[in-house]
């Protein structure tokens, strides 16, 4: 058996069937899903963000900032983006 656990998904499969994951990825692509491209949590030099919710015209993220980190001002013309943040200690 193979067990792969990430913050985005968990895979449990017999070792000889692991390559069938390709079918799942192809289904995601066919249905226009982004999961095969992007992880739910993305690490950046200033910390990380996790997409909590998104829809037509909006995206909600939780951000975690490293101590002393700075963010740049961003403007999105096609969606409203709301961030709820906290500062990572140490």
PDB file of N, CA and C in Angstrom:
ATOM      1  N   UNK A   1       0.833  -1.188   0.000  1.00  0.00           N
ATOM      2  CA  UNK A   1       0.000   0.000   0.000  1.00  0.00           C
ATOM      3  C   UNK A   1       0.876   1.249   0.000  1.00  0.00           C
ATOM      4  N   UNK A   2       0.326   2.288  -0.595  1.00  0.00           N
ATOM      5  CA  UNK A   2       0.973   3.590  -0.609  1.00  0.00           C
ATOM      6  C   UNK A   2       0.008   4.566   0.044  1.00  0.00           C
ATOM      7  N   UNK A   3       0.512   5.366   0.979  1.00  0.00           N
ATOM      8  CA  UNK A   3      -0.290   6.400   1.627  1.00  0.00           C
ATOM      9  C   UNK A   3       0.445   7.726   1.448  1.00  0.00           C
ATOM     10  N   UNK A   4      -0.238   8.694   0.838  1.00  0.00           N
ATOM     11  CA  UNK A   4       0.305  10.040   0.655  1.00  0.00           C
ATOM     12  C   UNK A   4      -0.686  10.997   1.301  1.00  0.00           C
ATOM     13  N   UNK A   5      -0.214  11.772   2.278  1.00  0.00           N
ATOM     14  CA  UNK A   5      -1.080  12.704   2.993  1.00  0.00           C
ATOM     15  C   UNK A   5      -0.516  14.109   2.856  1.00  0.00           C
ATOM     16  N   UNK A   6      -1.299  15.009   2.286  1.00  0.00           N
ATOM     17  CA  UNK A   6      -0.915  16.411   2.150  1.00  0.00           C
ATOM     18  C   UNK A   6      -2.041  17.255   2.725  1.00  0.00           C
ATOM     19  N   UNK A   7      -1.817  18.550   2.924  1.00  0.00           N
ATOM     20  CA  UNK A   7      -2.917  19.394   3.407  1.00  0.00           C
ATOM     21  C   UNK A   7      -4.104  19.454   2.450  1.00  0.00           C
ATOM     22  N   UNK A   8      -3.857  19.134   1.174  1.00  0.00           N
ATOM     23  CA  UNK A   8      -4.913  19.214   0.160  1.00  0.00           C
ATOM     24  C   UNK A   8      -5.683  17.920  -0.033  1.00  0.00           C
ATOM     25  N   UNK A   9      -5.023  16.788   0.155  1.00  0.00           N
ATOM     26  CA  UNK A   9      -5.668  15.504  -0.155  1.00  0.00           C
ATOM     27  C   UNK A   9      -4.917  14.364   0.509  1.00  0.00           C
ATOM     28  N   UNK A  10      -5.581  13.222   0.589  1.00  0.00           N
ATOM     29  CA  UNK A  10      -4.968  11.994   1.072  1.00  0.00           C
ATOM     30  C   UNK A  10      -5.220  10.901   0.051  1.00  0.00           C
ATOM     31  N   UNK A  11      -4.156  10.202  -0.321  1.00  0.00           N
ATOM     32  CA  UNK A  11      -4.255   9.085  -1.258  1.00  0.00           C
ATOM     33  C   UNK A  11      -3.857   7.810  -0.540  1.00  0.00           C
ATOM     34  N   UNK A  12      -4.708   6.806  -0.613  1.00  0.00           N
ATOM     35  CA  UNK A  12      -4.403   5.466  -0.112  1.00  0.00           C
ATOM     36  C   UNK A  12      -4.704   4.525  -1.263  1.00  0.00           C
ATOM     37  N   UNK A  13      -3.678   3.793  -1.727  1.00  0.00           N
ATOM     38  CA  UNK A  13      -3.868   2.928  -2.893  1.00  0.00           C
ATOM     39  C   UNK A  13      -2.882   1.767  -2.855  1.00  0.00           C
ATOM     40  N   UNK A  14      -3.264   0.656  -3.463  1.00  0.00           N
ATOM     41  CA  UNK A  14      -2.286  -0.426  -3.619  1.00  0.00           C
ATOM     42  C   UNK A  14      -1.125   0.067  -4.482  1.00  0.00           C
ATOM     43  N   UNK A  15       0.068  -0.344  -4.159  1.00  0.00           N
ATOM     44  CA  UNK A  15       1.260   0.127  -4.859  1.00  0.00           C
ATOM     45  C   UNK A  15       1.158  -0.054  -6.373  1.00  0.00           C
ATOM     46  N   UNK A  16       0.597  -1.156  -6.807  1.00  0.00           N
ATOM     47  CA  UNK A  16       0.513  -1.441  -8.240  1.00  0.00           C
ATOM     48  C   UNK A  16      -0.526  -0.577  -8.972  1.00  0.00           C
ATOM     49  N   UNK A  17      -1.339   0.188  -8.255  1.00  0.00           N
ATOM     50  CA  UNK A  17      -2.365   1.028  -8.888  1.00  0.00           C
ATOM     51  C   UNK A  17      -2.103   2.528  -8.742  1.00  0.00           C
ATOM     52  N   UNK A  18      -0.978   2.906  -8.172  1.00  0.00           N
ATOM     53  CA  UNK A  18      -0.677   4.306  -7.922  1.00  0.00           C
ATOM     54  C   UNK A  18      -0.691   5.130  -9.215  1.00  0.00           C
ATOM     55  N   UNK A  19      -0.238   4.558 -10.317  1.00  0.00           N
ATOM     56  CA  UNK A  19      -0.197   5.291 -11.579  1.00  0.00           C
ATOM     57  C   UNK A  19      -1.588   5.681 -12.081  1.00  0.00           C
ATOM     58  N   UNK A  20      -2.643   5.090 -11.536  1.00  0.00           N
ATOM     59  CA  UNK A  20      -4.004   5.446 -11.932  1.00  0.00           C
ATOM     60  C   UNK A  20      -4.403   6.844 -11.467  1.00  0.00           C
ATOM     61  N   UNK A  21      -3.563   7.455 -10.635  1.00  0.00           N
ATOM     62  CA  UNK A  21      -3.814   8.831 -10.204  1.00  0.00           C
ATOM     63  C   UNK A  21      -3.910   9.742 -11.430  1.00  0.00           C
ATOM     64  N   UNK A  22      -3.238   9.358 -12.493  1.00  0.00           N
ATOM     65  CA  UNK A  22      -3.293  10.148 -13.730  1.00  0.00           C
ATOM     66  C   UNK A  22      -4.731  10.342 -14.212  1.00  0.00           C
ATOM     67  N   UNK A  23      -5.558   9.332 -14.034  1.00  0.00           N
ATOM     68  CA  UNK A  23      -6.972   9.450 -14.436  1.00  0.00           C
ATOM     69  C   UNK A  23      -7.678  10.551 -13.647  1.00  0.00           C
ATOM     70  N   UNK A  24      -7.368  10.635 -12.360  1.00  0.00           N
ATOM     71  CA  UNK A  24      -7.968  11.672 -11.519  1.00  0.00           C
ATOM     72  C   UNK A  24      -7.534  13.049 -12.015  1.00  0.00           C
ATOM     73  N   UNK A  25      -6.251  13.189 -12.310  1.00  0.00           N
ATOM     74  CA  UNK A  25      -5.731  14.468 -12.803  1.00  0.00           C
ATOM     75  C   UNK A  25      -6.396  14.829 -14.131  1.00  0.00           C
ATOM     76  N   UNK A  26      -6.548  13.871 -15.028  1.00  0.00           N
ATOM     77  CA  UNK A  26      -7.199  14.137 -16.310  1.00  0.00           C
ATOM     78  C   UNK A  26      -8.655  14.557 -16.116  1.00  0.00           C
ATOM     79  N   UNK A  27      -9.344  13.950 -15.161  1.00  0.00           N
ATOM     80  CA  UNK A  27     -10.730  14.329 -14.871  1.00  0.00           C
ATOM     81  C   UNK A  27     -10.788  15.761 -14.340  1.00  0.00           C
ATOM     82  N   UNK A  28      -9.861  16.115 -13.452  1.00  0.00           N
ATOM     83  CA  UNK A  28      -9.809  17.493 -12.944  1.00  0.00           C
ATOM     84  C   UNK A  28      -9.604  18.476 -14.087  1.00  0.00           C
ATOM     85  N   UNK A  29      -8.670  18.165 -14.986  1.00  0.00           N
ATOM     86  CA  UNK A  29      -8.410  19.043 -16.133  1.00  0.00           C
ATOM     87  C   UNK A  29      -9.648  19.168 -17.014  1.00  0.00           C
ATOM     88  N   UNK A  30     -10.268  18.042 -17.307  1.00  0.00           N
ATOM     89  CA  UNK A  30     -11.441  18.022 -18.186  1.00  0.00           C
ATOM     90  C   UNK A  30     -12.583  18.855 -17.622  1.00  0.00           C
ATOM     91  N   UNK A  31     -12.717  18.879 -16.299  1.00  0.00           N
ATOM     92  CA  UNK A  31     -13.788  19.616 -15.644  1.00  0.00           C
ATOM     93  C   UNK A  31     -13.406  21.053 -15.293  1.00  0.00           C
ATOM     94  N   UNK A  32     -12.241  21.498 -15.774  1.00  0.00           N
ATOM     95  CA  UNK A  32     -11.828  22.878 -15.552  1.00  0.00           C
ATOM     96  C   UNK A  32     -11.435  23.190 -14.124  1.00  0.00           C
ATOM     97  N   UNK A  33     -11.063  22.191 -13.361  1.00  0.00           N
ATOM     98  CA  UNK A  33     -10.657  22.401 -11.967  1.00  0.00           C
ATOM     99  C   UNK A  33      -9.189  22.768 -11.898  1.00  0.00           C
ATOM    100  N   UNK A  34      -8.796  23.522 -10.854  1.00  0.00           N
ATOM    101  CA  UNK A  34      -7.414  23.983 -10.700  1.00  0.00           C
ATOM    102  C   UNK A  34      -6.591  23.117  -9.753  1.00  0.00           C
ATOM    103  N   UNK A  35      -7.198  22.141  -9.122  1.00  0.00           N
ATOM    104  CA  UNK A  35      -6.501  21.381  -8.092  1.00  0.00           C
ATOM    105  C   UNK A  35      -5.233  20.699  -8.600  1.00  0.00           C
ATOM    106  N   UNK A  36      -5.179  20.372  -9.866  1.00  0.00           N
ATOM    107  CA  UNK A  36      -3.975  19.726 -10.398  1.00  0.00           C
ATOM    108  C   UNK A  36      -2.832  20.725 -10.598  1.00  0.00           C
ATOM    109  N   UNK A  37      -3.125  22.016 -10.520  1.00  0.00           N
ATOM    110  CA  UNK A  37      -2.110  23.051 -10.705  1.00  0.00           C
ATOM    111  C   UNK A  37      -1.699  23.720  -9.405  1.00  0.00           C
ATOM    112  N   UNK A  38      -2.674  23.992  -8.545  1.00  0.00           N
ATOM    113  CA  UNK A  38      -2.443  24.789  -7.351  1.00  0.00           C
ATOM    114  C   UNK A  38      -2.763  24.014  -6.085  1.00  0.00           C
ATOM    115  N   UNK A  39      -1.930  24.196  -5.087  1.00  0.00           N
ATOM    116  CA  UNK A  39      -2.227  23.643  -3.772  1.00  0.00           C
ATOM    117  C   UNK A  39      -3.122  24.627  -3.028  1.00  0.00           C
ATOM    118  N   UNK A  40      -3.878  24.119  -2.089  1.00  0.00           N
ATOM    119  CA  UNK A  40      -4.752  24.982  -1.294  1.00  0.00           C
ATOM    120  C   UNK A  40      -3.940  25.994  -0.488  1.00  0.00           C
ATOM    121  N   UNK A  41      -2.800  25.560   0.064  1.00  0.00           N
ATOM    122  CA  UNK A  41      -1.910  26.453   0.794  1.00  0.00           C
ATOM    123  C   UNK A  41      -0.658  26.678  -0.043  1.00  0.00           C
ATOM    124  N   UNK A  42      -0.303  27.945  -0.221  1.00  0.00           N
ATOM    125  CA  UNK A  42       0.838  28.318  -1.050  1.00  0.00           C
ATOM    126  C   UNK A  42       1.859  29.045  -0.176  1.00  0.00           C
ATOM    127  N   UNK A  43       3.094  28.585  -0.200  1.00  0.00           N
ATOM    128  CA  UNK A  43       4.181  29.211   0.554  1.00  0.00           C
ATOM    129  C   UNK A  43       4.779  30.337  -0.277  1.00  0.00           C
ATOM    130  N   UNK A  44       5.047  31.460   0.375  1.00  0.00           N
ATOM    131  CA  UNK A  44       5.675  32.625  -0.246  1.00  0.00           C
ATOM    132  C   UNK A  44       6.815  33.095   0.661  1.00  0.00           C
ATOM    133  N   UNK A  45       7.723  33.944   0.155  1.00  0.00           N
ATOM    134  CA  UNK A  45       8.818  34.434   1.012  1.00  0.00           C
ATOM    135  C   UNK A  45       8.331  35.142   2.266  1.00  0.00           C
ATOM    136  N   UNK A  46       7.185  35.793   2.225  1.00  0.00           N
ATOM    137  CA  UNK A  46       6.645  36.544   3.358  1.00  0.00           C
ATOM    138  C   UNK A  46       5.812  35.693   4.317  1.00  0.00           C
ATOM    139  N   UNK A  47       5.507  34.437   3.934  1.00  0.00           N
ATOM    140  CA  UNK A  47       4.672  33.549   4.756  1.00  0.00           C
ATOM    141  C   UNK A  47       3.919  32.589   3.862  1.00  0.00           C
ATOM    142  N   UNK A  48       2.600  32.483   4.074  1.00  0.00           N
ATOM    143  CA  UNK A  48       1.795  31.580   3.249  1.00  0.00           C
ATOM    144  C   UNK A  48       0.361  32.081   3.199  1.00  0.00           C
ATOM    145  N   UNK A  49      -0.381  31.558   2.222  1.00  0.00           N
ATOM    146  CA  UNK A  49      -1.815  31.827   2.184  1.00  0.00           C
ATOM    147  C   UNK A  49      -2.557  30.552   1.836  1.00  0.00           C
ATOM    148  N   UNK A  50      -3.778  30.466   2.335  1.00  0.00           N
ATOM    149  CA  UNK A  50      -4.664  29.338   2.063  1.00  0.00           C
ATOM    150  C   UNK A  50      -5.962  29.893   1.510  1.00  0.00           C
ATOM    151  N   UNK A  51      -6.383  29.384   0.376  1.00  0.00           N
ATOM    152  CA  UNK A  51      -7.652  29.801  -0.210  1.00  0.00           C
ATOM    153  C   UNK A  51      -8.764  29.102   0.564  1.00  0.00           C
ATOM    154  N   UNK A  52      -9.613  29.890   1.227  1.00  0.00           N
ATOM    155  CA  UNK A  52     -10.710  29.346   2.025  1.00  0.00           C
ATOM    156  C   UNK A  52     -11.988  29.183   1.207  1.00  0.00           C
ATOM    157  N   UNK A  53     -12.199  30.117   0.310  1.00  0.00           N
ATOM    158  CA  UNK A  53     -13.448  30.126  -0.480  1.00  0.00           C
ATOM    159  C   UNK A  53     -13.198  30.945  -1.725  1.00  0.00           C
ATOM    160  N   UNK A  54     -13.766  30.524  -2.836  1.00  0.00           N
ATOM    161  CA  UNK A  54     -13.704  31.360  -4.031  1.00  0.00           C
ATOM    162  C   UNK A  54     -14.924  31.102  -4.880  1.00  0.00           C
ATOM    163  N   UNK A  55     -15.278  32.103  -5.621  1.00  0.00           N
ATOM    164  CA  UNK A  55     -16.435  32.008  -6.489  1.00  0.00           C
ATOM    165  C   UNK A  55     -16.346  33.059  -7.567  1.00  0.00           C
ATOM    166  N   UNK A  56     -17.409  33.232  -8.278  1.00  0.00           N
ATOM    167  CA  UNK A  56     -17.449  34.197  -9.361  1.00  0.00           C
ATOM    168  C   UNK A  56     -17.295  35.610  -8.801  1.00  0.00           C
ATOM    169  N   UNK A  57     -16.145  36.226  -9.029  1.00  0.00           N
ATOM    170  CA  UNK A  57     -15.925  37.595  -8.603  1.00  0.00           C
ATOM    171  C   UNK A  57     -15.352  37.778  -7.208  1.00  0.00           C
ATOM    172  N   UNK A  58     -14.989  36.698  -6.510  1.00  0.00           N
ATOM    173  CA  UNK A  58     -14.387  36.873  -5.176  1.00  0.00           C
ATOM    174  C   UNK A  58     -13.468  35.707  -4.829  1.00  0.00           C
ATOM    175  N   UNK A  59     -12.562  35.971  -3.894  1.00  0.00           N
ATOM    176  CA  UNK A  59     -11.681  34.947  -3.342  1.00  0.00           C
ATOM    177  C   UNK A  59     -11.374  35.341  -1.911  1.00  0.00           C
ATOM    178  N   UNK A  60     -11.490  34.408  -0.985  1.00  0.00           N
ATOM    179  CA  UNK A  60     -11.193  34.654   0.427  1.00  0.00           C
ATOM    180  C   UNK A  60      -9.978  33.814   0.798  1.00  0.00           C
ATOM    181  N   UNK A  61      -8.951  34.475   1.372  1.00  0.00           N
ATOM    182  CA  UNK A  61      -7.717  33.792   1.753  1.00  0.00           C
ATOM    183  C   UNK A  61      -7.423  34.020   3.231  1.00  0.00           C
ATOM    184  N   UNK A  62      -6.774  33.031   3.847  1.00  0.00           N
ATOM    185  CA  UNK A  62      -6.202  33.214   5.182  1.00  0.00           C
ATOM    186  C   UNK A  62      -4.702  33.328   4.966  1.00  0.00           C
ATOM    187  N   UNK A  63      -4.089  34.383   5.492  1.00  0.00           N
ATOM    188  CA  UNK A  63      -2.652  34.554   5.326  1.00  0.00           C
ATOM    189  C   UNK A  63      -1.953  34.392   6.664  1.00  0.00           C
ATOM    190  N   UNK A  64      -0.744  33.879   6.596  1.00  0.00           N
ATOM    191  CA  UNK A  64       0.124  33.764   7.766  1.00  0.00           C
ATOM    192  C   UNK A  64       1.413  34.481   7.401  1.00  0.00           C
ATOM    193  N   UNK A  65       1.734  35.536   8.166  1.00  0.00           N
ATOM    194  CA  UNK A  65       2.927  36.332   7.897  1.00  0.00           C
ATOM    195  C   UNK A  65       4.080  35.911   8.799  1.00  0.00           C
ATOM    196  N   UNK A  66       5.273  35.882   8.225  1.00  0.00           N
ATOM    197  CA  UNK A  66       6.473  35.678   9.024  1.00  0.00           C
ATOM    198  C   UNK A  66       6.762  36.980   9.773  1.00  0.00           C
ATOM    199  N   UNK A  67       7.336  36.915  10.968  1.00  0.00           N
ATOM    200  CA  UNK A  67       7.664  38.145  11.703  1.00  0.00           C
ATOM    201  C   UNK A  67       8.537  39.070  10.862  1.00  0.00           C
ATOM    202  N   UNK A  68       8.162  40.338  10.792  1.00  0.00           N
ATOM    203  CA  UNK A  68       8.906  41.327  10.036  1.00  0.00           C
ATOM    204  C   UNK A  68       8.635  41.326   8.539  1.00  0.00           C
ATOM    205  N   UNK A  69       7.790  40.429   8.081  1.00  0.00           N
ATOM    206  CA  UNK A  69       7.499  40.351   6.646  1.00  0.00           C
ATOM    207  C   UNK A  69       6.606  41.497   6.209  1.00  0.00           C
ATOM    208  N   UNK A  70       6.693  41.826   4.932  1.00  0.00           N
ATOM    209  CA  UNK A  70       5.878  42.899   4.370  1.00  0.00           C
ATOM    210  C   UNK A  70       5.136  42.391   3.146  1.00  0.00           C
ATOM    211  N   UNK A  71       3.939  42.901   2.963  1.00  0.00           N
ATOM    212  CA  UNK A  71       3.130  42.583   1.797  1.00  0.00           C
ATOM    213  C   UNK A  71       3.049  43.806   0.903  1.00  0.00           C
ATOM    214  N   UNK A  72       2.918  43.564  -0.386  1.00  0.00           N
ATOM    215  CA  UNK A  72       2.733  44.679  -1.310  1.00  0.00           C
ATOM    216  C   UNK A  72       1.243  44.900  -1.535  1.00  0.00           C
ATOM    217  N   UNK A  73       0.878  46.130  -1.846  1.00  0.00           N
ATOM    218  CA  UNK A  73      -0.507  46.465  -2.139  1.00  0.00           C
ATOM    219  C   UNK A  73      -0.869  45.881  -3.496  1.00  0.00           C
ATOM    220  N   UNK A  74      -2.017  45.232  -3.571  1.00  0.00           N
ATOM    221  CA  UNK A  74      -2.470  44.618  -4.817  1.00  0.00           C
ATOM    222  C   UNK A  74      -3.864  45.095  -5.138  1.00  0.00           C
ATOM    223  N   UNK A  75      -4.163  45.136  -6.423  1.00  0.00           N
ATOM    224  CA  UNK A  75      -5.488  45.500  -6.888  1.00  0.00           C
ATOM    225  C   UNK A  75      -5.941  44.466  -7.904  1.00  0.00           C
ATOM    226  N   UNK A  76      -7.121  43.907  -7.679  1.00  0.00           N
ATOM    227  CA  UNK A  76      -7.698  42.939  -8.604  1.00  0.00           C
ATOM    228  C   UNK A  76      -8.918  43.569  -9.252  1.00  0.00           C
ATOM    229  N   UNK A  77      -8.873  43.698 -10.536  1.00  0.00           N
ATOM    230  CA  UNK A  77      -9.973  44.342 -11.260  1.00  0.00           C
ATOM    231  C   UNK A  77     -11.143  43.396 -11.513  1.00  0.00           C
ATOM    232  N   UNK A  78     -10.907  42.108 -11.465  1.00  0.00           N
ATOM    233  CA  UNK A  78     -11.956  41.143 -11.804  1.00  0.00           C
ATOM    234  C   UNK A  78     -12.587  40.461 -10.603  1.00  0.00           C
ATOM    235  N   UNK A  79     -12.039  40.692  -9.408  1.00  0.00           N
ATOM    236  CA  UNK A  79     -12.617  40.052  -8.233  1.00  0.00           C
ATOM    237  C   UNK A  79     -12.304  40.855  -6.984  1.00  0.00           C
ATOM    238  N   UNK A  80     -13.121  40.633  -5.985  1.00  0.00           N
ATOM    239  CA  UNK A  80     -12.878  41.179  -4.663  1.00  0.00           C
ATOM    240  C   UNK A  80     -12.078  40.122  -3.901  1.00  0.00           C
ATOM    241  N   UNK A  81     -11.039  40.517  -3.201  1.00  0.00           N
ATOM    242  CA  UNK A  81     -10.216  39.563  -2.464  1.00  0.00           C
ATOM    243  C   UNK A  81     -10.129  40.000  -1.013  1.00  0.00           C
ATOM    244  N   UNK A  82     -10.488  39.114  -0.087  1.00  0.00           N
ATOM    245  CA  UNK A  82     -10.485  39.420   1.344  1.00  0.00           C
ATOM    246  C   UNK A  82      -9.505  38.487   2.024  1.00  0.00           C
ATOM    247  N   UNK A  83      -8.657  39.055   2.881  1.00  0.00           N
ATOM    248  CA  UNK A  83      -7.651  38.283   3.590  1.00  0.00           C
ATOM    249  C   UNK A  83      -7.882  38.412   5.080  1.00  0.00           C
ATOM    250  N   UNK A  84      -7.856  37.287   5.766  1.00  0.00           N
ATOM    251  CA  UNK A  84      -7.873  37.263   7.225  1.00  0.00           C
ATOM    252  C   UNK A  84      -6.484  36.781   7.636  1.00  0.00           C
ATOM    253  N   UNK A  85      -5.772  37.515   8.439  1.00  0.00           N
ATOM    254  CA  UNK A  85      -4.384  37.159   8.677  1.00  0.00           C
ATOM    255  C   UNK A  85      -4.017  36.981  10.131  1.00  0.00           C
ATOM    256  N   UNK A  86      -2.867  36.356  10.313  1.00  0.00           N
ATOM    257  CA  UNK A  86      -2.262  36.237  11.629  1.00  0.00           C
ATOM    258  C   UNK A  86      -0.750  36.272  11.435  1.00  0.00           C
ATOM    259  N   UNK A  87      -0.007  36.528  12.480  1.00  0.00           N
ATOM    260  CA  UNK A  87       1.441  36.583  12.396  1.00  0.00           C
ATOM    261  C   UNK A  87       2.010  35.317  13.006  1.00  0.00           C
ATOM    262  N   UNK A  88       2.840  34.663  12.246  1.00  0.00           N
ATOM    263  CA  UNK A  88       3.491  33.433  12.697  1.00  0.00           C
ATOM    264  C   UNK A  88       4.571  33.795  13.693  1.00  0.00           C
ATOM    265  N   UNK A  89       4.563  33.174  14.840  1.00  0.00           N
ATOM    266  CA  UNK A  89       5.599  33.462  15.842  1.00  0.00           C
ATOM    267  C   UNK A  89       6.821  32.596  15.557  1.00  0.00           C
ATOM    268  N   UNK A  90       7.998  33.148  15.903  1.00  0.00           N
ATOM    269  CA  UNK A  90       9.260  32.419  15.768  1.00  0.00           C
ATOM    270  C   UNK A  90       9.556  32.133  14.372  1.00  0.00           C
TER     271      UNK A  90
END
